[in-house]
Amino acid sequence: MAGFKGITAALVTPLDDNRKPNYGQLSELIEFVIDKGVNAILLLGGTGECTSLAAEDRFRVVKTGVEAVGGRVPVMAGVMDPGLSECLKSCKAHQEAGADALLVLTPFYYAGTQDGIVDYYKTVDREINLPIYIYNIPYRTNVNVLPDTVVRMYEAMDHLAGIKECAGLSQAMELIVKAGDKIEILSGDEFTAVSLMAMGGAGAIMATANVVPEAWVTMYSDISSGRISEALNLSLEHFLLFKALFSENYIGPLKHAMMKRGLPTGMAQILPLADPTDKTLKLVDEQMHRLGYY
């Protein structure tokens, strides 16, 4: 089973002028983050505009990414379909494309009960022969997978390997207490990731690892070596940059910051995402310059 301990870079999907994936730039981005030391890569998460891409483009993104990685680090592929039928199609396509694991978003629009959520993931588990990571992000889906529910799923599933937890630090702490010895609990929040990892979280899946992967690698290394205060200080040093990147929809600001570092990702996003405001870009530029990234 591929493990995702450490820092997983949740990659953007570089797009060309027609808002189609730019596969050459994707390969360049993969080289950049691997060179900076990330432990794993996530393709087609929210940061990768998964829900906005056509199915055939998603398949090719995963296939291209897997080939570019070449087995150097594990590759996780995001599955963000709202319903079970399309979810299973995406899972099977990503498995065929060579992904090492799947990050499966909780079903949304119809808010399932905890029992319904368990049955949903159990069905995916029966159909797929890859490690499954729950993607729990209630502020986007309006569905929350509770810690006790995660424990139930672990006991009922063959392939549950972990969770990307975005439901807040308190819930993540409860999950560590109840399931931290069973599955990998990965932070999905830049502002609390260091705290969660210091308390026993297995790692973090970070959008900002597109921009400052070496900072996140250092923070994880410091925590692993018991240098908690150093990790916290480095997180605080980057706080204003992270705040600027998330001050409006973050994908455009991320791509702008990446271009400041010389990464040719382009600024294109898929509607309804719009270009970031000049105010946001100025904030990002100030913080990138303050930290010495350009």
C-alpha atoms as a PDB file:
ATOM      1  CA  MET A   1       0.000   0.000   0.000  1.00  0.00           C
ATOM      2  CA  ALA A   2       1.379   3.397  -0.989  1.00  0.00           C
ATOM      3  CA  GLY A   3       1.789   5.620   2.037  1.00  0.00           C
ATOM      4  CA  PHE A   4       1.331   9.367   2.033  1.00  0.00           C
ATOM      5  CA  LYS A   5       3.157  10.361   5.183  1.00  0.00           C
ATOM      6  CA  GLY A   6       4.879  13.721   4.928  1.00  0.00           C
ATOM      7  CA  ILE A   7       4.072  16.507   2.496  1.00  0.00           C
ATOM      8  CA  THR A   8       1.859  15.868  -0.504  1.00  0.00           C
ATOM      9  CA  ALA A   9       1.778  18.685  -3.058  1.00  0.00           C
ATOM     10  CA  ALA A  10      -1.806  19.263  -4.232  1.00  0.00           C
ATOM     11  CA  LEU A  11      -0.886  20.343  -7.738  1.00  0.00           C
ATOM     12  CA  VAL A  12      -2.619  22.954  -9.833  1.00  0.00           C
ATOM     13  CA  THR A  13      -3.470  21.886 -13.370  1.00  0.00           C
ATOM     14  CA  PRO A  14      -1.603  24.189 -15.776  1.00  0.00           C
ATOM     15  CA  LEU A  15      -3.935  25.271 -18.579  1.00  0.00           C
ATOM     16  CA  ASP A  16      -3.347  26.587 -22.076  1.00  0.00           C
ATOM     17  CA  ASP A  17      -5.132  29.554 -23.642  1.00  0.00           C
ATOM     18  CA  ASN A  18      -8.108  27.321 -24.457  1.00  0.00           C
ATOM     19  CA  ARG A  19      -8.478  26.274 -20.815  1.00  0.00           C
ATOM     20  CA  LYS A  20      -7.271  22.768 -21.611  1.00  0.00           C
ATOM     21  CA  PRO A  21      -4.526  21.020 -19.592  1.00  0.00           C
ATOM     22  CA  ASN A  22      -0.987  21.905 -20.594  1.00  0.00           C
ATOM     23  CA  TYR A  23       0.723  18.552 -20.134  1.00  0.00           C
ATOM     24  CA  GLY A  24       4.246  19.817 -20.748  1.00  0.00           C
ATOM     25  CA  GLN A  25       3.895  22.388 -17.975  1.00  0.00           C
ATOM     26  CA  LEU A  26       2.383  19.752 -15.698  1.00  0.00           C
ATOM     27  CA  SER A  27       5.482  17.622 -16.152  1.00  0.00           C
ATOM     28  CA  GLU A  28       7.713  20.632 -15.397  1.00  0.00           C
ATOM     29  CA  LEU A  29       5.743  21.349 -12.227  1.00  0.00           C
ATOM     30  CA  ILE A  30       6.138  17.743 -11.101  1.00  0.00           C
ATOM     31  CA  GLU A  31       9.905  17.992 -11.575  1.00  0.00           C
ATOM     32  CA  PHE A  32       9.977  21.188  -9.516  1.00  0.00           C
ATOM     33  CA  VAL A  33       8.123  19.845  -6.476  1.00  0.00           C
ATOM     34  CA  ILE A  34       9.962  16.507  -6.494  1.00  0.00           C
ATOM     35  CA  ASP A  35      13.275  18.346  -6.717  1.00  0.00           C
ATOM     36  CA  LYS A  36      12.228  20.372  -3.660  1.00  0.00           C
ATOM     37  CA  GLY A  37      11.660  17.176  -1.708  1.00  0.00           C
ATOM     38  CA  VAL A  38       7.895  16.599  -1.433  1.00  0.00           C
ATOM     39  CA  ASN A  39       6.931  13.097  -0.344  1.00  0.00           C
ATOM     40  CA  ALA A  40       3.971  12.625  -2.692  1.00  0.00           C
ATOM     41  CA  ILE A  41       1.788  14.304  -5.304  1.00  0.00           C
ATOM     42  CA  LEU A  42      -1.960  14.822  -5.559  1.00  0.00           C
ATOM     43  CA  LEU A  43      -3.427  15.320  -9.021  1.00  0.00           C
ATOM     44  CA  LEU A  44      -6.976  16.569  -9.583  1.00  0.00           C
ATOM     45  CA  GLY A  45      -7.796  17.797  -6.123  1.00  0.00           C
ATOM     46  CA  GLY A  46      -9.784  20.995  -5.734  1.00  0.00           C
ATOM     47  CA  THR A  47      -6.552  22.878  -6.440  1.00  0.00           C
ATOM     48  CA  GLY A  48      -6.283  20.952  -9.707  1.00  0.00           C
ATOM     49  CA  GLU A  49      -9.768  22.146 -10.801  1.00  0.00           C
ATOM     50  CA  CYS A  50     -10.962  18.541 -10.889  1.00  0.00           C
ATOM     51  CA  THR A  51     -14.679  19.357 -11.056  1.00  0.00           C
ATOM     52  CA  SER A  52     -14.181  21.720 -14.006  1.00  0.00           C
ATOM     53  CA  LEU A  53     -12.265  19.358 -16.290  1.00  0.00           C
ATOM     54  CA  ALA A  54     -13.816  16.942 -18.766  1.00  0.00           C
ATOM     55  CA  ALA A  55     -13.488  13.248 -17.928  1.00  0.00           C
ATOM     56  CA  GLU A  56     -11.080  12.580 -20.787  1.00  0.00           C
ATOM     57  CA  ASP A  57      -8.852  15.452 -19.633  1.00  0.00           C
ATOM     58  CA  ARG A  58      -8.850  14.140 -16.063  1.00  0.00           C
ATOM     59  CA  PHE A  59      -7.754  10.705 -17.273  1.00  0.00           C
ATOM     60  CA  ARG A  60      -4.901  12.167 -19.296  1.00  0.00           C
ATOM     61  CA  VAL A  61      -3.792  14.418 -16.421  1.00  0.00           C
ATOM     62  CA  VAL A  62      -3.411  11.373 -14.173  1.00  0.00           C
ATOM     63  CA  LYS A  63      -1.722   9.287 -16.870  1.00  0.00           C
ATOM     64  CA  THR A  64       0.690  12.114 -17.733  1.00  0.00           C
ATOM     65  CA  GLY A  65       1.394  12.783 -14.066  1.00  0.00           C
ATOM     66  CA  VAL A  66       2.085   9.143 -13.275  1.00  0.00           C
ATOM     67  CA  GLU A  67       4.457   8.889 -16.239  1.00  0.00           C
ATOM     68  CA  ALA A  68       6.258  12.113 -15.268  1.00  0.00           C
ATOM     69  CA  VAL A  69       6.685  10.962 -11.665  1.00  0.00           C
ATOM     70  CA  GLY A  70       8.080   7.639 -12.821  1.00  0.00           C
ATOM     71  CA  GLY A  71       7.649   5.943  -9.465  1.00  0.00           C
ATOM     72  CA  ARG A  72       9.816   8.415  -7.553  1.00  0.00           C
ATOM     73  CA  VAL A  73       6.990   9.342  -5.157  1.00  0.00           C
ATOM     74  CA  PRO A  74       3.430   8.049  -4.707  1.00  0.00           C
ATOM     75  CA  VAL A  75       0.691   9.655  -6.800  1.00  0.00           C
ATOM     76  CA  MET A  76      -2.806  10.240  -5.420  1.00  0.00           C
ATOM     77  CA  ALA A  77      -5.683  11.117  -7.764  1.00  0.00           C
ATOM     78  CA  GLY A  78      -8.711  13.129  -6.708  1.00  0.00           C
ATOM     79  CA  VAL A  79     -12.286  11.935  -7.266  1.00  0.00           C
ATOM     80  CA  MET A  80     -14.779  14.746  -6.738  1.00  0.00           C
ATOM     81  CA  ASP A  81     -17.981  13.574  -8.403  1.00  0.00           C
ATOM     82  CA  PRO A  82     -21.248  14.266  -6.538  1.00  0.00           C
ATOM     83  CA  GLY A  83     -22.829  10.852  -7.112  1.00  0.00           C
ATOM     84  CA  LEU A  84     -21.818   7.219  -6.800  1.00  0.00           C
ATOM     85  CA  SER A  85     -22.064   6.189 -10.459  1.00  0.00           C
ATOM     86  CA  GLU A  86     -19.731   8.917 -11.753  1.00  0.00           C
ATOM     87  CA  CYS A  87     -17.492   8.491  -8.707  1.00  0.00           C
ATOM     88  CA  LEU A  88     -16.931   4.832  -9.569  1.00  0.00           C
ATOM     89  CA  LYS A  89     -16.211   5.696 -13.212  1.00  0.00           C
ATOM     90  CA  SER A  90     -13.566   8.198 -12.107  1.00  0.00           C
ATOM     91  CA  CYS A  91     -12.063   5.790  -9.583  1.00  0.00           C
ATOM     92  CA  LYS A  92     -11.722   3.080 -12.215  1.00  0.00           C
ATOM     93  CA  ALA A  93     -10.264   5.512 -14.762  1.00  0.00           C
ATOM     94  CA  HIS A  94      -7.652   6.764 -12.286  1.00  0.00           C
ATOM     95  CA  GLN A  95      -6.803   3.194 -11.348  1.00  0.00           C
ATOM     96  CA  GLU A  96      -6.324   2.378 -15.039  1.00  0.00           C
ATOM     97  CA  ALA A  97      -4.175   5.501 -15.480  1.00  0.00           C
ATOM     98  CA  GLY A  98      -1.770   4.251 -12.818  1.00  0.00           C
ATOM     99  CA  ALA A  99      -2.603   6.214  -9.662  1.00  0.00           C
ATOM    100  CA  ASP A 100      -1.268   4.750  -6.414  1.00  0.00           C
ATOM    101  CA  ALA A 101      -4.239   5.906  -4.317  1.00  0.00           C
ATOM    102  CA  LEU A 102      -7.539   7.764  -4.556  1.00  0.00           C
ATOM    103  CA  LEU A 103      -8.731  10.830  -2.652  1.00  0.00           C
ATOM    104  CA  VAL A 104     -12.506  10.411  -2.697  1.00  0.00           C
ATOM    105  CA  LEU A 105     -14.620  13.429  -1.820  1.00  0.00           C
ATOM    106  CA  THR A 106     -17.694  12.939   0.330  1.00  0.00           C
ATOM    107  CA  PRO A 107     -20.860  12.841  -1.822  1.00  0.00           C
ATOM    108  CA  PHE A 108     -22.444  16.275  -1.918  1.00  0.00           C
ATOM    109  CA  TYR A 109     -25.650  18.091  -2.946  1.00  0.00           C
ATOM    110  CA  TYR A 110     -27.713  15.388  -1.244  1.00  0.00           C
ATOM    111  CA  ALA A 111     -26.498  15.546   2.333  1.00  0.00           C
ATOM    112  CA  GLY A 112     -26.125  11.934   3.374  1.00  0.00           C
ATOM    113  CA  THR A 113     -26.531  10.609   6.889  1.00  0.00           C
ATOM    114  CA  GLN A 114     -23.503   9.095   8.570  1.00  0.00           C
ATOM    115  CA  ASP A 115     -24.902   5.636   7.722  1.00  0.00           C
ATOM    116  CA  GLY A 116     -25.298   6.687   4.092  1.00  0.00           C
ATOM    117  CA  ILE A 117     -21.736   7.968   3.970  1.00  0.00           C
ATOM    118  CA  VAL A 118     -20.437   4.676   5.352  1.00  0.00           C
ATOM    119  CA  ASP A 119     -22.366   2.699   2.730  1.00  0.00           C
ATOM    120  CA  TYR A 120     -21.127   5.025  -0.029  1.00  0.00           C
ATOM    121  CA  TYR A 121     -17.467   4.473   0.812  1.00  0.00           C
ATOM    122  CA  LYS A 122     -18.014   0.748   1.384  1.00  0.00           C
ATOM    123  CA  THR A 123     -19.401   0.508  -2.144  1.00  0.00           C
ATOM    124  CA  VAL A 124     -16.353   2.286  -3.556  1.00  0.00           C
ATOM    125  CA  ASP A 125     -14.153  -0.004  -1.484  1.00  0.00           C
ATOM    126  CA  ARG A 126     -15.722  -3.124  -3.027  1.00  0.00           C
ATOM    127  CA  GLU A 127     -15.245  -1.847  -6.581  1.00  0.00           C
ATOM    128  CA  ILE A 128     -11.706  -0.467  -6.343  1.00  0.00           C
ATOM    129  CA  ASN A 129      -8.381  -2.134  -5.585  1.00  0.00           C
ATOM    130  CA  LEU A 130      -6.445   0.939  -4.474  1.00  0.00           C
ATOM    131  CA  PRO A 131      -5.884   2.671  -1.130  1.00  0.00           C
ATOM    132  CA  ILE A 132      -8.747   5.096  -0.464  1.00  0.00           C
ATOM    133  CA  TYR A 133      -8.400   8.410   1.347  1.00  0.00           C
ATOM    134  CA  ILE A 134     -11.523  10.243   2.487  1.00  0.00           C
ATOM    135  CA  TYR A 135     -11.653  13.909   1.509  1.00  0.00           C
ATOM    136  CA  ASN A 136     -13.606  15.614   4.270  1.00  0.00           C
ATOM    137  CA  ILE A 137     -14.127  19.317   3.581  1.00  0.00           C
ATOM    138  CA  PRO A 138     -17.517  20.282   5.057  1.00  0.00           C
ATOM    139  CA  TYR A 139     -17.269  23.997   4.287  1.00  0.00           C
ATOM    140  CA  ARG A 140     -17.454  23.123   0.577  1.00  0.00           C
ATOM    141  CA  THR A 141     -19.685  20.015   0.602  1.00  0.00           C
ATOM    142  CA  ASN A 142     -21.962  20.747   3.591  1.00  0.00           C
ATOM    143  CA  VAL A 143     -21.304  17.129   4.614  1.00  0.00           C
ATOM    144  CA  ASN A 144     -19.121  16.219   7.590  1.00  0.00           C
ATOM    145  CA  VAL A 145     -17.656  12.764   8.194  1.00  0.00           C
ATOM    146  CA  LEU A 146     -17.483  12.458  11.975  1.00  0.00           C
ATOM    147  CA  PRO A 147     -14.542  10.739  13.714  1.00  0.00           C
ATOM    148  CA  ASP A 148     -16.674   7.834  14.951  1.00  0.00           C
ATOM    149  CA  THR A 149     -17.883   7.334  11.378  1.00  0.00           C
ATOM    150  CA  VAL A 150     -14.285   7.152  10.141  1.00  0.00           C
ATOM    151  CA  VAL A 151     -13.607   4.436  12.737  1.00  0.00           C
ATOM    152  CA  ARG A 152     -16.663   2.522  11.500  1.00  0.00           C
ATOM    153  CA  MET A 153     -15.441   2.772   7.920  1.00  0.00           C
ATOM    154  CA  TYR A 154     -11.981   1.537   8.849  1.00  0.00           C
ATOM    155  CA  GLU A 155     -13.522  -1.525  10.472  1.00  0.00           C
ATOM    156  CA  ALA A 156     -15.791  -2.187   7.480  1.00  0.00           C
ATOM    157  CA  MET A 157     -13.446  -1.462   4.554  1.00  0.00           C
ATOM    158  CA  ASP A 158     -10.446  -3.257   3.088  1.00  0.00           C
ATOM    159  CA  HIS A 159      -8.767  -0.275   1.434  1.00  0.00           C
ATOM    160  CA  LEU A 160      -9.311   2.730   3.722  1.00  0.00           C
ATOM    161  CA  ALA A 161      -5.848   4.187   4.218  1.00  0.00           C
ATOM    162  CA  GLY A 162      -6.425   7.707   5.482  1.00  0.00           C
ATOM    163  CA  ILE A 163      -8.252  10.998   5.396  1.00  0.00           C
ATOM    164  CA  LYS A 164      -7.583  14.530   4.248  1.00  0.00           C
ATOM    165  CA  GLU A 165      -9.216  16.360   7.132  1.00  0.00           C
ATOM    166  CA  CYS A 166     -10.448  19.914   6.620  1.00  0.00           C
ATOM    167  CA  ALA A 167     -13.126  20.038   9.328  1.00  0.00           C
ATOM    168  CA  GLY A 168     -11.080  22.016  11.843  1.00  0.00           C
ATOM    169  CA  LEU A 169      -8.340  21.309  14.339  1.00  0.00           C
ATOM    170  CA  SER A 170     -10.620  20.096  17.122  1.00  0.00           C
ATOM    171  CA  GLN A 171     -12.181  17.389  14.964  1.00  0.00           C
ATOM    172  CA  ALA A 172      -8.774  16.412  13.611  1.00  0.00           C
ATOM    173  CA  MET A 173      -7.488  16.040  17.165  1.00  0.00           C
ATOM    174  CA  GLU A 174     -10.398  13.765  18.034  1.00  0.00           C
ATOM    175  CA  LEU A 175      -9.651  11.733  14.932  1.00  0.00           C
ATOM    176  CA  ILE A 176      -6.008  11.321  15.958  1.00  0.00           C
ATOM    177  CA  VAL A 177      -7.105  10.079  19.368  1.00  0.00           C
ATOM    178  CA  LYS A 178      -9.617   7.600  17.929  1.00  0.00           C
ATOM    179  CA  ALA A 179      -7.973   6.482  14.693  1.00  0.00           C
ATOM    180  CA  GLY A 180      -4.432   7.834  14.538  1.00  0.00           C
ATOM    181  CA  ASP A 181      -3.001   4.340  14.974  1.00  0.00           C
ATOM    182  CA  LYS A 182      -5.208   2.943  12.216  1.00  0.00           C
ATOM    183  CA  ILE A 183      -5.099   5.363   9.287  1.00  0.00           C
ATOM    184  CA  GLU A 184      -3.039   8.292   8.011  1.00  0.00           C
ATOM    185  CA  ILE A 185      -4.607  11.548   9.169  1.00  0.00           C
ATOM    186  CA  LEU A 186      -3.489  14.290   6.801  1.00  0.00           C
ATOM    187  CA  SER A 187      -4.118  17.982   7.260  1.00  0.00           C
ATOM    188  CA  GLY A 188      -5.730  19.899   4.427  1.00  0.00           C
ATOM    189  CA  ASP A 189      -5.438  23.322   6.048  1.00  0.00           C
ATOM    190  CA  GLU A 190      -2.322  25.484   5.754  1.00  0.00           C
ATOM    191  CA  PHE A 191      -3.031  27.398   8.951  1.00  0.00           C
ATOM    192  CA  THR A 192      -3.254  24.410  11.291  1.00  0.00           C
ATOM    193  CA  ALA A 193      -1.144  21.783   9.506  1.00  0.00           C
ATOM    194  CA  VAL A 194       1.933  22.177  11.685  1.00  0.00           C
ATOM    195  CA  SER A 195      -0.112  21.887  14.866  1.00  0.00           C
ATOM    196  CA  LEU A 196      -1.860  18.771  13.582  1.00  0.00           C
ATOM    197  CA  MET A 197       1.367  17.115  12.495  1.00  0.00           C
ATOM    198  CA  ALA A 198       2.991  17.966  15.833  1.00  0.00           C
ATOM    199  CA  MET A 199       0.129  16.173  17.594  1.00  0.00           C
ATOM    200  CA  GLY A 200       0.569  13.006  15.575  1.00  0.00           C
ATOM    201  CA  GLY A 201      -0.921  13.699  12.161  1.00  0.00           C
ATOM    202  CA  ALA A 202       0.832  11.713   9.444  1.00  0.00           C
ATOM    203  CA  GLY A 203       1.376  14.707   7.172  1.00  0.00           C
ATOM    204  CA  ALA A 204      -0.372  17.326   5.081  1.00  0.00           C
ATOM    205  CA  ILE A 205      -1.808  17.729   1.588  1.00  0.00           C
ATOM    206  CA  MET A 206      -0.962  21.340   0.779  1.00  0.00           C
ATOM    207  CA  ALA A 207      -2.035  23.597  -2.075  1.00  0.00           C
ATOM    208  CA  THR A 208       0.738  26.044  -1.196  1.00  0.00           C
ATOM    209  CA  ALA A 209       3.309  23.288  -1.766  1.00  0.00           C
ATOM    210  CA  ASN A 210       2.978  24.352  -5.422  1.00  0.00           C
ATOM    211  CA  VAL A 211       4.634  27.626  -4.462  1.00  0.00           C
ATOM    212  CA  VAL A 212       6.848  26.929  -1.435  1.00  0.00           C
ATOM    213  CA  PRO A 213       7.348  23.150  -1.341  1.00  0.00           C
ATOM    214  CA  GLU A 214      10.713  23.428   0.380  1.00  0.00           C
ATOM    215  CA  ALA A 215       9.170  25.328   3.290  1.00  0.00           C
ATOM    216  CA  TRP A 216       6.629  22.567   3.886  1.00  0.00           C
ATOM    217  CA  VAL A 217       9.294  19.872   3.549  1.00  0.00           C
ATOM    218  CA  THR A 218      11.364  21.678   6.163  1.00  0.00           C
ATOM    219  CA  MET A 219       8.394  22.031   8.513  1.00  0.00           C
ATOM    220  CA  TYR A 220       7.649  18.318   8.278  1.00  0.00           C
ATOM    221  CA  SER A 221      11.325  17.438   8.737  1.00  0.00           C
ATOM    222  CA  ASP A 222      11.542  19.673  11.807  1.00  0.00           C
ATOM    223  CA  ILE A 223       8.478  18.044  13.358  1.00  0.00           C
ATOM    224  CA  SER A 224       9.776  14.558  12.602  1.00  0.00           C
ATOM    225  CA  SER A 225      13.052  15.450  14.334  1.00  0.00           C
ATOM    226  CA  GLY A 226      11.357  16.959  17.380  1.00  0.00           C
ATOM    227  CA  ARG A 227      12.106  20.571  16.433  1.00  0.00           C
ATOM    228  CA  ILE A 228       8.519  21.680  16.984  1.00  0.00           C
ATOM    229  CA  SER A 229       9.293  25.329  17.764  1.00  0.00           C
ATOM    230  CA  GLU A 230      11.318  25.657  14.547  1.00  0.00           C
ATOM    231  CA  ALA A 231       8.417  24.279  12.516  1.00  0.00           C
ATOM    232  CA  LEU A 232       5.959  26.601  14.216  1.00  0.00           C
ATOM    233  CA  ASN A 233       8.217  29.594  13.610  1.00  0.00           C
ATOM    234  CA  LEU A 234       8.568  28.758   9.917  1.00  0.00           C
ATOM    235  CA  SER A 235       4.783  28.407   9.666  1.00  0.00           C
ATOM    236  CA  LEU A 236       4.342  31.808  11.282  1.00  0.00           C
ATOM    237  CA  GLU A 237       6.874  33.344   8.889  1.00  0.00           C
ATOM    238  CA  HIS A 238       4.707  32.149   5.989  1.00  0.00           C
ATOM    239  CA  PHE A 239       1.374  33.053   7.547  1.00  0.00           C
ATOM    240  CA  LEU A 240       0.936  36.345   5.695  1.00  0.00           C
ATOM    241  CA  LEU A 241       1.816  34.704   2.382  1.00  0.00           C
ATOM    242  CA  PHE A 242      -0.741  31.956   2.966  1.00  0.00           C
ATOM    243  CA  LYS A 243      -3.300  34.549   3.993  1.00  0.00           C
ATOM    244  CA  ALA A 244      -2.653  36.520   0.794  1.00  0.00           C
ATOM    245  CA  LEU A 245      -2.938  33.403  -1.380  1.00  0.00           C
ATOM    246  CA  PHE A 246      -6.295  32.518   0.193  1.00  0.00           C
ATOM    247  CA  SER A 247      -7.647  36.070   0.349  1.00  0.00           C
ATOM    248  CA  GLU A 248      -9.868  35.259  -2.648  1.00  0.00           C
ATOM    249  CA  ASN A 249     -10.288  32.108  -4.703  1.00  0.00           C
ATOM    250  CA  TYR A 250      -6.817  30.719  -4.271  1.00  0.00           C
ATOM    251  CA  ILE A 251      -6.035  28.998  -7.579  1.00  0.00           C
ATOM    252  CA  GLY A 252      -5.385  32.219  -9.507  1.00  0.00           C
ATOM    253  CA  PRO A 253      -3.185  33.660  -6.735  1.00  0.00           C
ATOM    254  CA  LEU A 254      -1.301  30.350  -6.533  1.00  0.00           C
ATOM    255  CA  LYS A 255      -0.593  30.365 -10.256  1.00  0.00           C
ATOM    256  CA  HIS A 256       0.545  33.986 -10.069  1.00  0.00           C
ATOM    257  CA  ALA A 257       2.925  33.170  -7.220  1.00  0.00           C
ATOM    258  CA  MET A 258       4.253  30.173  -9.131  1.00  0.00           C
ATOM    259  CA  MET A 259       5.026  32.342 -12.137  1.00  0.00           C
ATOM    260  CA  LYS A 260       6.911  34.690  -9.815  1.00  0.00           C
ATOM    261  CA  ARG A 261       9.133  31.708  -9.018  1.00  0.00           C
ATOM    262  CA  GLY A 262       9.668  31.024 -12.705  1.00  0.00           C
ATOM    263  CA  LEU A 263       7.208  28.160 -13.066  1.00  0.00           C
ATOM    264  CA  PRO A 264       5.407  28.431 -16.436  1.00  0.00           C
ATOM    265  CA  THR A 265       1.919  27.524 -15.255  1.00  0.00           C
ATOM    266  CA  GLY A 266       0.051  30.417 -16.857  1.00  0.00           C
ATOM    267  CA  MET A 267      -2.825  32.264 -15.218  1.00  0.00           C
ATOM    268  CA  ALA A 268      -5.687  30.521 -17.018  1.00  0.00           C
ATOM    269  CA  GLN A 269      -8.517  29.120 -14.900  1.00  0.00           C
ATOM    270  CA  ILE A 270     -11.792  27.502 -15.883  1.00  0.00           C
ATOM    271  CA  LEU A 271     -15.056  29.391 -15.450  1.00  0.00           C
ATOM    272  CA  PRO A 272     -16.621  30.312 -13.105  1.00  0.00           C
ATOM    273  CA  LEU A 273     -13.191  31.127 -11.658  1.00  0.00           C
ATOM    274  CA  ALA A 274     -12.118  34.643 -12.571  1.00  0.00           C
ATOM    275  CA  ASP A 275      -8.745  36.375 -12.583  1.00  0.00           C
ATOM    276  CA  PRO A 276      -7.575  37.550  -9.150  1.00  0.00           C
ATOM    277  CA  THR A 277      -7.822  41.254  -8.382  1.00  0.00           C
ATOM    278  CA  ASP A 278      -4.852  43.593  -8.549  1.00  0.00           C
ATOM    279  CA  LYS A 279      -5.150  44.030  -4.774  1.00  0.00           C
ATOM    280  CA  THR A 280      -4.673  40.318  -4.192  1.00  0.00           C
ATOM    281  CA  LEU A 281      -1.781  40.076  -6.631  1.00  0.00           C
ATOM    282  CA  LYS A 282      -0.056  42.986  -4.879  1.00  0.00           C
ATOM    283  CA  LEU A 283      -0.433  41.258  -1.506  1.00  0.00           C
ATOM    284  CA  VAL A 284       1.011  38.045  -2.926  1.00  0.00           C
ATOM    285  CA  ASP A 285       3.923  39.893  -4.544  1.00  0.00           C
ATOM    286  CA  GLU A 286       4.771  41.681  -1.305  1.00  0.00           C
ATOM    287  CA  GLN A 287       4.861  38.486   0.713  1.00  0.00           C
ATOM    288  CA  MET A 288       6.753  36.478  -1.897  1.00  0.00           C
ATOM    289  CA  HIS A 289       9.364  39.221  -2.043  1.00  0.00           C
ATOM    290  CA  ARG A 290       9.552  39.534   1.757  1.00  0.00           C
ATOM    291  CA  LEU A 291      10.308  35.829   2.049  1.00  0.00           C
ATOM    292  CA  GLY A 292      12.924  35.943  -0.709  1.00  0.00           C
ATOM    293  CA  TYR A 293      11.148  33.743  -3.234  1.00  0.00           C
ATOM    294  CA  TYR A 294      11.851  36.166  -6.052  1.00  0.00           C
END
